[in-house]
Amino acid sequence: MENLNEANLLNMYIEWSRKYGNGRDKNDIRFGQWVWNHYHEQLSELRNSLTSPDKFLDGFYSESPATAYKQILKLIRKEYV
């Protein structure tokens, strides 16, 4: 599997929005949770490399797909310094 980057994340967000809108999928999984399921190792390494307590706003628990997208994007960009 390729690494998660901004383009991949955007494509995942668009796909999710088309299928599930602002909700959960048929398995009751949130968007952020779904992304983390696919890229857990990479996202964990990114989060663990940062020092800000805000790094735990990592998108996993966000109910809103848009919020999760923004939080994961900040994590990818290493904006939680």
Protein backbone atom coordinates (compact mmCIF):
# COMPACT_ATOMS: atom_id res chain seq x y z
CA MET A 1 0.00 0.00 0.00
CA GLU A 2 1.31 3.42 -0.85
CA ASN A 3 1.86 6.12 1.74
CA LEU A 4 -0.91 8.49 2.67
CA ASN A 5 -0.40 11.94 1.22
CA GLU A 6 -2.60 14.99 0.67
CA ALA A 7 -3.88 13.78 -2.72
CA ASN A 8 -4.75 10.30 -1.41
CA LEU A 9 -6.52 11.78 1.58
CA LEU A 10 -8.54 14.13 -0.61
CA ASN A 11 -9.56 11.24 -2.88
CA MET A 12 -10.59 9.18 0.14
CA TYR A 13 -12.63 12.10 1.47
CA ILE A 14 -14.41 12.60 -1.86
CA GLU A 15 -15.14 8.89 -2.13
CA TRP A 16 -16.50 8.83 1.42
CA SER A 17 -18.64 11.92 0.86
CA ARG A 18 -20.21 10.42 -2.26
CA LYS A 19 -21.02 7.14 -0.56
CA TYR A 20 -21.89 8.18 3.00
CA GLY A 21 -22.24 11.96 3.09
CA ASN A 22 -21.59 13.24 6.61
CA GLY A 23 -22.38 9.94 8.28
CA ARG A 24 -20.86 6.60 9.07
CA ASP A 25 -20.56 3.66 6.72
CA LYS A 26 -22.67 0.49 6.85
CA ASN A 27 -20.30 -0.95 9.45
CA ASP A 28 -20.77 2.10 11.71
CA ILE A 29 -17.23 3.33 11.00
CA ARG A 30 -16.38 7.04 10.93
CA PHE A 31 -14.34 8.55 8.07
CA GLY A 32 -11.29 9.21 10.26
CA GLN A 33 -11.47 5.73 11.68
CA TRP A 34 -11.61 4.32 8.14
CA VAL A 35 -8.50 6.30 7.10
CA TRP A 36 -6.68 5.16 10.25
CA ASN A 37 -7.63 1.55 9.49
CA HIS A 38 -5.87 1.85 6.12
CA TYR A 39 -2.82 3.86 7.24
CA HIS A 40 -2.47 3.07 10.93
CA GLU A 41 1.29 2.51 10.96
CA GLN A 42 2.15 5.67 9.03
CA LEU A 43 -0.27 7.89 10.97
CA SER A 44 0.92 6.51 14.31
CA GLU A 45 4.54 7.24 13.39
CA LEU A 46 3.62 10.77 12.32
CA ARG A 47 1.65 11.43 15.50
CA ASN A 48 4.39 10.01 17.72
CA SER A 49 7.03 12.19 16.07
CA LEU A 50 5.23 15.40 17.05
CA THR A 51 5.38 17.11 20.43
CA SER A 52 2.22 19.22 20.57
CA PRO A 53 -0.64 17.89 22.71
CA ASP A 54 -2.88 18.89 19.77
CA LYS A 55 -1.40 16.00 17.80
CA PHE A 56 -4.07 13.82 19.40
CA LEU A 57 -6.66 15.72 17.34
CA ASP A 58 -5.79 13.12 14.72
CA GLY A 59 -9.19 12.60 13.12
CA PHE A 60 -9.83 9.13 14.51
CA TYR A 61 -12.66 10.09 16.88
CA SER A 62 -14.20 12.95 14.89
CA GLU A 63 -17.80 12.30 13.92
CA SER A 64 -17.68 14.85 11.11
CA PRO A 65 -15.84 13.63 8.00
CA ALA A 66 -14.85 17.24 7.19
CA THR A 67 -13.33 17.72 10.65
CA ALA A 68 -11.53 14.37 10.45
CA TYR A 69 -10.18 15.29 7.02
CA LYS A 70 -8.81 18.61 8.31
CA GLN A 71 -7.26 16.99 11.37
CA ILE A 72 -5.59 14.20 9.39
CA LEU A 73 -4.37 16.73 6.84
CA LYS A 74 -2.74 18.76 9.63
CA LEU A 75 -1.12 15.56 10.89
CA ILE A 76 0.24 14.73 7.42
CA ARG A 77 1.55 18.27 7.05
CA LYS A 78 3.06 18.06 10.55
CA GLU A 79 1.30 21.26 11.57
CA TYR A 80 1.01 20.05 15.16
CA VAL A 81 4.49 21.09 16.23
